[in-house]
Amino acid sequence: MQYPLVEALTAGLFVVSSLWILDMPALDIRGIVTGILLYILVSAYVVITTYDIKHKMIPDSFSYSVAVLALVFVLISSPSSLMGHILAGFGAALFFFIFWFFSKGKWMGLGDAKLALSLGFLLGPSMAVPALLIAFWSGAIVSIAVLVYERVMRRDLGISLKSEIPFAPFIICGLLFTFFLHIDMGTLASWFAI
């Protein structure tokens, strides 16, 4: 099942990426390069997701490659906001690093902190926080659903509250969801406005 699922996910993300590219104000050389970088980033995120699900780790070369690609993407698409994106990248990485450091690697792996660099670099400060919230919410919902399924269906999937869950798919889900739907702090605030 892995191969058709990966192919379908990649195809779906390429369609969404194409719609995002076509929605750009002008499709000049800068827009074309940005589009190509987006296709490469999306492909790399699919590879990272698949690798983390299979091996429960993210190779440093993957994390640092997408971080550099994200920086180049921002440098080409909106160079005036580069410093904010750099700060958001290190802020997101620091957030995960703190989890890793204080839990001695039990709550979160260091690979997640390295992957978070690209999240902040790509999204910037106003979109990084919603992406992290979506990552944690989706991770919690899926984990609880699997535990409930195991309990209700009386199937032993070998998952418990102490199980190691690959978190890169949730980080990437939050990143892509936020990026393609343009969810920023203002959007998040409007969702919770009373």
N, C-alpha and C. Protein backbone atom coordinates (compact mmCIF):
# COMPACT_ATOMS: atom_id res chain seq x y z
N MET A 1 0.82 -1.22 0.00
CA MET A 1 0.00 0.00 0.00
C MET A 1 0.85 1.27 0.00
N GLN A 2 2.11 1.17 0.44
CA GLN A 2 2.94 2.38 0.56
C GLN A 2 3.07 3.11 -0.78
N TYR A 3 3.37 2.37 -1.84
CA TYR A 3 3.68 3.02 -3.11
C TYR A 3 2.49 3.77 -3.71
N PRO A 4 1.30 3.13 -3.82
CA PRO A 4 0.17 3.91 -4.35
C PRO A 4 -0.21 5.09 -3.46
N LEU A 5 -0.08 4.92 -2.13
CA LEU A 5 -0.42 6.03 -1.24
C LEU A 5 0.54 7.20 -1.41
N VAL A 6 1.83 6.91 -1.51
CA VAL A 6 2.83 7.96 -1.70
C VAL A 6 2.62 8.65 -3.05
N GLU A 7 2.35 7.86 -4.08
CA GLU A 7 2.12 8.44 -5.41
C GLU A 7 0.87 9.32 -5.41
N ALA A 8 -0.19 8.85 -4.79
CA ALA A 8 -1.43 9.63 -4.74
C ALA A 8 -1.24 10.91 -3.93
N LEU A 9 -0.54 10.81 -2.81
CA LEU A 9 -0.27 12.00 -1.99
C LEU A 9 0.56 13.02 -2.76
N THR A 10 1.60 12.55 -3.44
CA THR A 10 2.45 13.44 -4.22
C THR A 10 1.65 14.10 -5.34
N ALA A 11 0.85 13.32 -6.04
CA ALA A 11 0.03 13.87 -7.13
C ALA A 11 -0.94 14.92 -6.60
N GLY A 12 -1.60 14.61 -5.49
CA GLY A 12 -2.53 15.57 -4.89
C GLY A 12 -1.85 16.86 -4.49
N LEU A 13 -0.67 16.74 -3.89
CA LEU A 13 0.07 17.93 -3.47
C LEU A 13 0.59 18.73 -4.68
N PHE A 14 0.90 18.03 -5.76
CA PHE A 14 1.32 18.74 -6.98
C PHE A 14 0.15 19.52 -7.57
N VAL A 15 -1.06 18.96 -7.51
CA VAL A 15 -2.24 19.67 -8.00
C VAL A 15 -2.47 20.93 -7.16
N VAL A 16 -2.41 20.78 -5.83
CA VAL A 16 -2.59 21.93 -4.94
C VAL A 16 -1.49 22.96 -5.17
N SER A 17 -0.26 22.51 -5.35
CA SER A 17 0.85 23.42 -5.62
C SER A 17 0.63 24.16 -6.94
N SER A 18 0.15 23.46 -7.96
CA SER A 18 -0.12 24.10 -9.25
C SER A 18 -1.18 25.17 -9.12
N LEU A 19 -2.22 24.89 -8.34
CA LEU A 19 -3.27 25.90 -8.11
C LEU A 19 -2.69 27.12 -7.39
N TRP A 20 -1.80 26.88 -6.42
CA TRP A 20 -1.16 27.97 -5.69
C TRP A 20 -0.32 28.81 -6.65
N ILE A 21 0.44 28.15 -7.54
CA ILE A 21 1.29 28.85 -8.50
C ILE A 21 0.44 29.67 -9.47
N LEU A 22 -0.65 29.07 -9.98
CA LEU A 22 -1.51 29.78 -10.92
C LEU A 22 -2.22 30.97 -10.29
N ASP A 23 -2.32 30.96 -8.95
CA ASP A 23 -2.97 32.06 -8.23
C ASP A 23 -2.02 33.24 -8.00
N MET A 24 -0.75 33.07 -8.36
CA MET A 24 0.21 34.15 -8.16
C MET A 24 -0.13 35.32 -9.09
N PRO A 25 0.15 36.57 -8.62
CA PRO A 25 -0.20 37.75 -9.43
C PRO A 25 0.46 37.77 -10.81
N ALA A 26 1.73 37.40 -10.88
CA ALA A 26 2.43 37.41 -12.17
C ALA A 26 3.30 36.16 -12.26
N LEU A 27 3.24 35.52 -13.41
CA LEU A 27 4.03 34.31 -13.59
C LEU A 27 5.25 34.66 -14.46
N ASP A 28 6.15 35.45 -13.87
CA ASP A 28 7.39 35.82 -14.53
C ASP A 28 8.47 34.80 -14.15
N ILE A 29 9.73 35.10 -14.46
CA ILE A 29 10.81 34.15 -14.18
C ILE A 29 10.91 33.85 -12.68
N ARG A 30 10.69 34.89 -11.85
CA ARG A 30 10.73 34.69 -10.40
C ARG A 30 9.61 33.75 -9.96
N GLY A 31 8.43 33.91 -10.55
CA GLY A 31 7.30 33.04 -10.23
C GLY A 31 7.54 31.61 -10.67
N ILE A 32 8.18 31.43 -11.81
CA ILE A 32 8.47 30.08 -12.31
C ILE A 32 9.47 29.39 -11.39
N VAL A 33 10.54 30.11 -11.00
CA VAL A 33 11.53 29.53 -10.09
C VAL A 33 10.89 29.20 -8.74
N THR A 34 10.03 30.09 -8.25
CA THR A 34 9.31 29.84 -6.99
C THR A 34 8.45 28.58 -7.11
N GLY A 35 7.77 28.43 -8.25
CA GLY A 35 6.94 27.25 -8.47
C GLY A 35 7.74 25.96 -8.49
N ILE A 36 8.88 25.99 -9.16
CA ILE A 36 9.74 24.81 -9.20
C ILE A 36 10.23 24.45 -7.80
N LEU A 37 10.63 25.48 -7.05
CA LEU A 37 11.07 25.24 -5.66
C LEU A 37 9.94 24.64 -4.82
N LEU A 38 8.71 25.11 -5.06
CA LEU A 38 7.57 24.58 -4.30
C LEU A 38 7.37 23.10 -4.61
N TYR A 39 7.47 22.71 -5.89
CA TYR A 39 7.34 21.29 -6.25
C TYR A 39 8.43 20.46 -5.57
N ILE A 40 9.65 20.99 -5.54
CA ILE A 40 10.75 20.26 -4.90
C ILE A 40 10.51 20.14 -3.40
N LEU A 41 10.08 21.23 -2.77
CA LEU A 41 9.79 21.21 -1.32
C LEU A 41 8.71 20.20 -0.99
N VAL A 42 7.63 20.23 -1.76
CA VAL A 42 6.51 19.30 -1.51
C VAL A 42 6.99 17.85 -1.66
N SER A 43 7.78 17.59 -2.69
CA SER A 43 8.31 16.23 -2.89
C SER A 43 9.19 15.82 -1.72
N ALA A 44 10.04 16.74 -1.26
CA ALA A 44 10.92 16.44 -0.12
C ALA A 44 10.11 16.17 1.14
N TYR A 45 9.04 16.93 1.35
CA TYR A 45 8.20 16.70 2.53
C TYR A 45 7.51 15.34 2.48
N VAL A 46 7.13 14.89 1.29
CA VAL A 46 6.54 13.55 1.15
C VAL A 46 7.58 12.49 1.51
N VAL A 47 8.82 12.68 1.05
CA VAL A 47 9.90 11.74 1.36
C VAL A 47 10.14 11.69 2.88
N ILE A 48 10.19 12.87 3.51
CA ILE A 48 10.43 12.93 4.96
C ILE A 48 9.29 12.25 5.72
N THR A 49 8.07 12.51 5.30
CA THR A 49 6.91 11.89 5.95
C THR A 49 7.00 10.37 5.87
N THR A 50 7.25 9.87 4.68
CA THR A 50 7.33 8.41 4.47
C THR A 50 8.47 7.80 5.28
N TYR A 51 9.62 8.46 5.25
CA TYR A 51 10.79 7.95 5.97
C TYR A 51 10.54 7.92 7.48
N ASP A 52 9.92 8.98 8.01
CA ASP A 52 9.67 9.03 9.45
C ASP A 52 8.65 7.98 9.87
N ILE A 53 7.64 7.76 9.05
CA ILE A 53 6.65 6.74 9.37
C ILE A 53 7.31 5.35 9.41
N LYS A 54 8.19 5.08 8.44
CA LYS A 54 8.83 3.76 8.36
C LYS A 54 9.93 3.56 9.41
N HIS A 55 10.73 4.60 9.65
CA HIS A 55 11.93 4.43 10.48
C HIS A 55 11.90 5.19 11.81
N LYS A 56 10.89 6.03 12.00
CA LYS A 56 10.77 6.85 13.21
C LYS A 56 12.02 7.71 13.45
N MET A 57 12.53 8.26 12.37
CA MET A 57 13.66 9.19 12.45
C MET A 57 13.69 10.01 11.16
N ILE A 58 14.33 11.18 11.26
CA ILE A 58 14.49 12.05 10.11
C ILE A 58 15.98 12.30 9.92
N PRO A 59 16.54 11.84 8.80
CA PRO A 59 17.96 12.11 8.58
C PRO A 59 18.25 13.61 8.53
N ASP A 60 19.37 14.01 9.11
CA ASP A 60 19.75 15.42 9.13
C ASP A 60 19.82 16.00 7.72
N SER A 61 20.31 15.20 6.77
CA SER A 61 20.45 15.71 5.40
C SER A 61 19.08 16.12 4.83
N PHE A 62 18.02 15.39 5.19
CA PHE A 62 16.67 15.76 4.74
C PHE A 62 16.24 17.08 5.38
N SER A 63 16.40 17.17 6.70
CA SER A 63 15.95 18.37 7.42
C SER A 63 16.68 19.62 6.97
N TYR A 64 18.00 19.51 6.83
CA TYR A 64 18.77 20.69 6.44
C TYR A 64 18.53 21.06 4.98
N SER A 65 18.27 20.08 4.14
CA SER A 65 17.99 20.36 2.73
C SER A 65 16.69 21.15 2.58
N VAL A 66 15.64 20.72 3.28
CA VAL A 66 14.37 21.46 3.15
C VAL A 66 14.48 22.83 3.82
N ALA A 67 15.30 22.96 4.84
CA ALA A 67 15.50 24.27 5.47
C ALA A 67 16.15 25.23 4.49
N VAL A 68 17.18 24.76 3.78
CA VAL A 68 17.85 25.61 2.79
C VAL A 68 16.89 25.94 1.65
N LEU A 69 16.14 24.94 1.17
CA LEU A 69 15.16 25.19 0.10
C LEU A 69 14.11 26.21 0.52
N ALA A 70 13.66 26.10 1.77
CA ALA A 70 12.66 27.05 2.27
C ALA A 70 13.22 28.47 2.30
N LEU A 71 14.47 28.60 2.73
CA LEU A 71 15.11 29.93 2.74
C LEU A 71 15.25 30.50 1.34
N VAL A 72 15.67 29.67 0.40
CA VAL A 72 15.79 30.13 -0.99
C VAL A 72 14.42 30.52 -1.54
N PHE A 73 13.39 29.74 -1.21
CA PHE A 73 12.02 30.04 -1.64
C PHE A 73 11.62 31.44 -1.15
N VAL A 74 11.85 31.72 0.12
CA VAL A 74 11.49 33.03 0.68
C VAL A 74 12.36 34.14 0.09
N LEU A 75 13.63 33.86 -0.09
CA LEU A 75 14.54 34.84 -0.67
C LEU A 75 14.08 35.27 -2.05
N ILE A 76 13.55 34.32 -2.83
CA ILE A 76 13.09 34.64 -4.18
C ILE A 76 11.68 35.24 -4.17
N SER A 77 10.78 34.67 -3.36
CA SER A 77 9.38 35.09 -3.40
C SER A 77 9.11 36.39 -2.63
N SER A 78 9.73 36.56 -1.48
CA SER A 78 9.51 37.80 -0.70
C SER A 78 10.76 38.14 0.11
N PRO A 79 11.78 38.65 -0.57
CA PRO A 79 13.06 38.91 0.10
C PRO A 79 12.99 39.92 1.24
N SER A 80 12.02 40.82 1.20
CA SER A 80 11.94 41.84 2.26
C SER A 80 11.57 41.25 3.61
N SER A 81 10.95 40.07 3.62
CA SER A 81 10.53 39.46 4.89
C SER A 81 11.49 38.35 5.35
N LEU A 82 12.66 38.26 4.72
CA LEU A 82 13.58 37.16 5.01
C LEU A 82 13.98 37.08 6.47
N MET A 83 14.30 38.21 7.10
CA MET A 83 14.75 38.19 8.49
C MET A 83 13.67 37.64 9.43
N GLY A 84 12.42 38.02 9.22
CA GLY A 84 11.33 37.49 10.03
C GLY A 84 11.18 35.99 9.88
N HIS A 85 11.36 35.51 8.65
CA HIS A 85 11.26 34.07 8.39
C HIS A 85 12.42 33.31 9.05
N ILE A 86 13.60 33.91 9.03
CA ILE A 86 14.76 33.27 9.68
C ILE A 86 14.51 33.16 11.19
N LEU A 87 14.03 34.24 11.78
CA LEU A 87 13.74 34.22 13.22
C LEU A 87 12.65 33.20 13.55
N ALA A 88 11.64 33.11 12.69
CA ALA A 88 10.56 32.13 12.92
C ALA A 88 11.10 30.71 12.84
N GLY A 89 12.04 30.48 11.93
CA GLY A 89 12.64 29.14 11.80
C GLY A 89 13.39 28.74 13.06
N PHE A 90 14.22 29.65 13.56
CA PHE A 90 14.97 29.32 14.77
C PHE A 90 14.05 29.26 15.99
N GLY A 91 12.99 30.06 15.99
CA GLY A 91 12.02 30.00 17.09
C GLY A 91 11.28 28.66 17.12
N ALA A 92 10.85 28.18 15.94
CA ALA A 92 10.15 26.90 15.86
C ALA A 92 11.09 25.76 16.26
N ALA A 93 12.34 25.82 15.81
CA ALA A 93 13.31 24.79 16.16
C ALA A 93 13.59 24.80 17.66
N LEU A 94 13.69 26.00 18.23
CA LEU A 94 13.93 26.12 19.67
C LEU A 94 12.78 25.53 20.48
N PHE A 95 11.56 25.75 20.01
CA PHE A 95 10.37 25.21 20.67
C PHE A 95 10.48 23.69 20.80
N PHE A 96 10.81 23.01 19.70
CA PHE A 96 10.94 21.55 19.73
C PHE A 96 12.19 21.12 20.49
N PHE A 97 13.26 21.91 20.37
CA PHE A 97 14.49 21.58 21.09
C PHE A 97 14.24 21.57 22.60
N ILE A 98 13.45 22.51 23.10
CA ILE A 98 13.13 22.58 24.54
C ILE A 98 12.39 21.31 24.95
N PHE A 99 11.41 20.87 24.14
CA PHE A 99 10.72 19.61 24.43
C PHE A 99 11.71 18.46 24.51
N TRP A 100 12.60 18.39 23.52
CA TRP A 100 13.58 17.31 23.47
C TRP A 100 14.53 17.37 24.67
N PHE A 101 15.02 18.55 24.97
CA PHE A 101 16.02 18.72 26.03
C PHE A 101 15.46 18.34 27.40
N PHE A 102 14.29 18.87 27.75
CA PHE A 102 13.76 18.63 29.09
C PHE A 102 13.19 17.22 29.26
N SER A 103 12.82 16.58 28.17
CA SER A 103 12.32 15.20 28.29
C SER A 103 13.41 14.17 28.04
N LYS A 104 14.60 14.66 27.73
CA LYS A 104 15.72 13.77 27.38
C LYS A 104 15.35 12.87 26.20
N GLY A 105 14.60 13.43 25.26
CA GLY A 105 14.23 12.72 24.04
C GLY A 105 13.01 11.84 24.14
N LYS A 106 12.30 11.85 25.28
CA LYS A 106 11.14 10.97 25.44
C LYS A 106 9.87 11.56 24.84
N TRP A 107 9.71 12.88 24.88
CA TRP A 107 8.50 13.52 24.36
C TRP A 107 8.62 13.81 22.88
N MET A 108 9.82 14.17 22.46
CA MET A 108 10.01 14.64 21.10
C MET A 108 11.44 14.34 20.68
N GLY A 109 11.63 13.97 19.43
CA GLY A 109 12.98 13.71 18.94
C GLY A 109 13.66 14.99 18.47
N LEU A 110 14.97 14.97 18.43
CA LEU A 110 15.72 16.14 17.98
C LEU A 110 15.52 16.37 16.48
N GLY A 111 15.20 15.32 15.75
CA GLY A 111 14.92 15.47 14.32
C GLY A 111 13.73 16.38 14.06
N ASP A 112 12.76 16.38 14.97
CA ASP A 112 11.60 17.27 14.82
C ASP A 112 12.01 18.73 14.95
N ALA A 113 12.96 19.01 15.83
CA ALA A 113 13.46 20.39 15.98
C ALA A 113 14.16 20.83 14.70
N LYS A 114 14.94 19.95 14.11
CA LYS A 114 15.64 20.29 12.87
C LYS A 114 14.66 20.49 11.72
N LEU A 115 13.61 19.66 11.67
CA LEU A 115 12.59 19.82 10.64
C LEU A 115 11.82 21.12 10.82
N ALA A 116 11.62 21.53 12.07
CA ALA A 116 10.87 22.75 12.36
C ALA A 116 11.57 24.00 11.81
N LEU A 117 12.87 23.92 11.58
CA LEU A 117 13.58 25.04 10.94
C LEU A 117 12.90 25.42 9.63
N SER A 118 12.64 24.41 8.79
CA SER A 118 12.03 24.70 7.49
C SER A 118 10.61 25.22 7.64
N LEU A 119 9.90 24.76 8.66
CA LEU A 119 8.54 25.25 8.91
C LEU A 119 8.56 26.76 9.13
N GLY A 120 9.42 27.20 10.06
CA GLY A 120 9.50 28.63 10.35
C GLY A 120 10.07 29.43 9.19
N PHE A 121 11.11 28.87 8.53
CA PHE A 121 11.70 29.56 7.38
C PHE A 121 10.67 29.79 6.28
N LEU A 122 9.87 28.77 6.00
CA LEU A 122 8.90 28.87 4.91
C LEU A 122 7.70 29.74 5.27
N LEU A 123 7.21 29.61 6.49
CA LEU A 123 5.95 30.26 6.86
C LEU A 123 6.11 31.65 7.46
N GLY A 124 7.20 31.89 8.15
CA GLY A 124 7.36 33.18 8.81
C GLY A 124 6.64 33.21 10.14
N PRO A 125 6.80 34.32 10.87
CA PRO A 125 6.26 34.38 12.24
C PRO A 125 4.74 34.32 12.33
N SER A 126 4.02 34.90 11.39
CA SER A 126 2.56 34.95 11.54
C SER A 126 1.89 33.63 11.21
N MET A 127 2.56 32.76 10.46
CA MET A 127 1.95 31.48 10.08
C MET A 127 2.57 30.28 10.80
N ALA A 128 3.73 30.47 11.43
CA ALA A 128 4.39 29.34 12.09
C ALA A 128 3.61 28.84 13.30
N VAL A 129 3.06 29.76 14.08
CA VAL A 129 2.32 29.35 15.28
C VAL A 129 1.07 28.54 14.92
N PRO A 130 0.23 29.00 13.98
CA PRO A 130 -0.90 28.15 13.59
C PRO A 130 -0.48 26.79 13.05
N ALA A 131 0.64 26.74 12.32
CA ALA A 131 1.11 25.46 11.79
C ALA A 131 1.48 24.52 12.93
N LEU A 132 2.14 25.04 13.96
CA LEU A 132 2.51 24.20 15.10
C LEU A 132 1.28 23.73 15.86
N LEU A 133 0.30 24.61 16.01
CA LEU A 133 -0.95 24.22 16.68
C LEU A 133 -1.65 23.11 15.90
N ILE A 134 -1.73 23.27 14.59
CA ILE A 134 -2.37 22.25 13.75
C ILE A 134 -1.60 20.93 13.85
N ALA A 135 -0.27 21.01 13.89
CA ALA A 135 0.55 19.79 14.02
C ALA A 135 0.22 19.06 15.32
N PHE A 136 0.18 19.79 16.42
CA PHE A 136 -0.09 19.15 17.72
C PHE A 136 -1.53 18.66 17.81
N TRP A 137 -2.48 19.44 17.30
CA TRP A 137 -3.88 19.01 17.33
C TRP A 137 -4.07 17.75 16.49
N SER A 138 -3.55 17.76 15.27
CA SER A 138 -3.74 16.59 14.40
C SER A 138 -3.02 15.37 14.98
N GLY A 139 -1.85 15.56 15.57
CA GLY A 139 -1.14 14.46 16.21
C GLY A 139 -1.93 13.88 17.37
N ALA A 140 -2.52 14.75 18.17
CA ALA A 140 -3.32 14.29 19.31
C ALA A 140 -4.57 13.56 18.84
N ILE A 141 -5.26 14.11 17.85
CA ILE A 141 -6.50 13.51 17.35
C ILE A 141 -6.23 12.12 16.77
N VAL A 142 -5.20 12.01 15.93
CA VAL A 142 -4.88 10.72 15.32
C VAL A 142 -4.45 9.71 16.38
N SER A 143 -3.63 10.12 17.33
CA SER A 143 -3.16 9.21 18.38
C SER A 143 -4.33 8.71 19.23
N ILE A 144 -5.22 9.61 19.61
CA ILE A 144 -6.39 9.22 20.40
C ILE A 144 -7.30 8.29 19.59
N ALA A 145 -7.49 8.61 18.31
CA ALA A 145 -8.34 7.77 17.46
C ALA A 145 -7.77 6.36 17.34
N VAL A 146 -6.46 6.24 17.21
CA VAL A 146 -5.83 4.91 17.11
C VAL A 146 -5.99 4.15 18.42
N LEU A 147 -5.79 4.84 19.55
CA LEU A 147 -5.96 4.18 20.86
C LEU A 147 -7.40 3.73 21.07
N VAL A 148 -8.35 4.57 20.69
CA VAL A 148 -9.77 4.21 20.83
C VAL A 148 -10.11 3.04 19.92
N TYR A 149 -9.62 3.09 18.68
CA TYR A 149 -9.85 1.99 17.74
C TYR A 149 -9.31 0.68 18.31
N GLU A 150 -8.12 0.73 18.86
CA GLU A 150 -7.51 -0.46 19.45
C GLU A 150 -8.37 -1.02 20.59
N ARG A 151 -8.86 -0.10 21.42
CA ARG A 151 -9.65 -0.51 22.58
C ARG A 151 -11.03 -1.03 22.17
N VAL A 152 -11.72 -0.30 21.28
CA VAL A 152 -13.09 -0.66 20.90
C VAL A 152 -13.10 -1.91 20.02
N MET A 153 -12.21 -1.96 19.05
CA MET A 153 -12.19 -3.08 18.12
C MET A 153 -11.42 -4.28 18.68
N ARG A 154 -10.82 -4.09 19.85
CA ARG A 154 -10.04 -5.15 20.51
C ARG A 154 -8.95 -5.70 19.57
N ARG A 155 -8.31 -4.78 18.89
CA ARG A 155 -7.19 -5.13 18.02
C ARG A 155 -5.91 -4.64 18.66
N ASP A 156 -4.92 -5.47 18.71
CA ASP A 156 -3.65 -5.06 19.29
C ASP A 156 -2.73 -4.57 18.18
N LEU A 157 -2.65 -3.26 18.05
CA LEU A 157 -1.76 -2.66 17.06
C LEU A 157 -0.39 -2.38 17.65
N GLY A 158 -0.23 -2.72 18.92
CA GLY A 158 1.05 -2.49 19.58
C GLY A 158 1.28 -1.04 19.94
N ILE A 159 0.20 -0.27 20.06
CA ILE A 159 0.34 1.15 20.37
C ILE A 159 -0.23 1.40 21.76
N SER A 160 0.52 2.15 22.55
CA SER A 160 0.06 2.52 23.88
C SER A 160 0.39 3.99 24.11
N LEU A 161 0.06 4.49 25.30
CA LEU A 161 0.37 5.88 25.62
C LEU A 161 1.88 6.14 25.65
N LYS A 162 2.65 5.08 25.77
CA LYS A 162 4.11 5.23 25.82
C LYS A 162 4.76 4.95 24.46
N SER A 163 3.97 4.67 23.45
CA SER A 163 4.52 4.35 22.13
C SER A 163 5.17 5.57 21.49
N GLU A 164 6.19 5.29 20.70
CA GLU A 164 6.87 6.33 19.94
C GLU A 164 6.08 6.57 18.65
N ILE A 165 5.60 7.80 18.49
CA ILE A 165 4.79 8.15 17.32
C ILE A 165 5.62 9.07 16.43
N PRO A 166 5.74 8.76 15.13
CA PRO A 166 6.48 9.67 14.25
C PRO A 166 5.72 11.00 14.14
N PHE A 167 6.39 12.10 14.47
CA PHE A 167 5.70 13.38 14.50
C PHE A 167 5.93 14.22 13.25
N ALA A 168 6.91 13.88 12.42
CA ALA A 168 7.17 14.64 11.20
C ALA A 168 5.93 14.74 10.30
N PRO A 169 5.13 13.66 10.14
CA PRO A 169 3.94 13.80 9.30
C PRO A 169 2.99 14.88 9.80
N PHE A 170 2.90 15.05 11.11
CA PHE A 170 2.00 16.06 11.66
C PHE A 170 2.58 17.47 11.51
N ILE A 171 3.90 17.59 11.67
CA ILE A 171 4.55 18.88 11.45
C ILE A 171 4.34 19.31 10.00
N ILE A 172 4.55 18.37 9.09
CA ILE A 172 4.42 18.68 7.66
C ILE A 172 2.96 18.94 7.29
N CYS A 173 2.05 18.21 7.90
CA CYS A 173 0.62 18.45 7.68
C CYS A 173 0.26 19.87 8.11
N GLY A 174 0.69 20.26 9.30
CA GLY A 174 0.43 21.62 9.77
C GLY A 174 1.05 22.67 8.87
N LEU A 175 2.29 22.41 8.42
CA LEU A 175 2.99 23.34 7.55
C LEU A 175 2.25 23.52 6.22
N LEU A 176 1.92 22.41 5.57
CA LEU A 176 1.28 22.50 4.25
C LEU A 176 -0.14 23.04 4.34
N PHE A 177 -0.87 22.63 5.34
CA PHE A 177 -2.24 23.12 5.55
C PHE A 177 -2.22 24.63 5.72
N THR A 178 -1.33 25.12 6.55
CA THR A 178 -1.21 26.55 6.82
C THR A 178 -0.73 27.31 5.59
N PHE A 179 0.26 26.75 4.90
CA PHE A 179 0.82 27.41 3.72
C PHE A 179 -0.22 27.56 2.62
N PHE A 180 -0.87 26.45 2.25
CA PHE A 180 -1.78 26.49 1.12
C PHE A 180 -3.10 27.21 1.42
N LEU A 181 -3.52 27.20 2.67
CA LEU A 181 -4.77 27.88 3.03
C LEU A 181 -4.55 29.28 3.59
N HIS A 182 -3.30 29.71 3.63
CA HIS A 182 -2.94 31.06 4.11
C HIS A 182 -3.48 31.33 5.51
N ILE A 183 -3.26 30.41 6.42
CA ILE A 183 -3.74 30.56 7.79
C ILE A 183 -2.66 31.27 8.60
N ASP A 184 -3.00 32.43 9.12
CA ASP A 184 -2.05 33.16 9.96
C ASP A 184 -2.67 33.41 11.33
N MET A 185 -2.00 34.20 12.15
CA MET A 185 -2.51 34.45 13.51
C MET A 185 -3.88 35.12 13.47
N GLY A 186 -4.12 36.00 12.50
CA GLY A 186 -5.43 36.64 12.38
C GLY A 186 -6.53 35.65 12.09
N THR A 187 -6.25 34.70 11.19
CA THR A 187 -7.22 33.65 10.88
C THR A 187 -7.52 32.82 12.10
N LEU A 188 -6.45 32.47 12.82
CA LEU A 188 -6.61 31.65 14.03
C LEU A 188 -7.44 32.39 15.08
N ALA A 189 -7.17 33.68 15.25
CA ALA A 189 -7.93 34.48 16.22
C ALA A 189 -9.41 34.54 15.84
N SER A 190 -9.70 34.64 14.54
CA SER A 190 -11.11 34.71 14.11
C SER A 190 -11.83 33.39 14.34
N TRP A 191 -11.10 32.25 14.28
CA TRP A 191 -11.71 30.95 14.55
C TRP A 191 -12.20 30.86 15.98
N PHE A 192 -11.46 31.49 16.90
CA PHE A 192 -11.78 31.36 18.32
C PHE A 192 -12.46 32.60 18.89
N ALA A 193 -12.84 33.54 18.03
CA ALA A 193 -13.54 34.75 18.50
C ALA A 193 -14.94 34.37 18.94
N ILE A 194 -15.34 34.97 20.04
CA ILE A 194 -16.68 34.65 20.58
C ILE A 194 -17.66 35.72 20.15
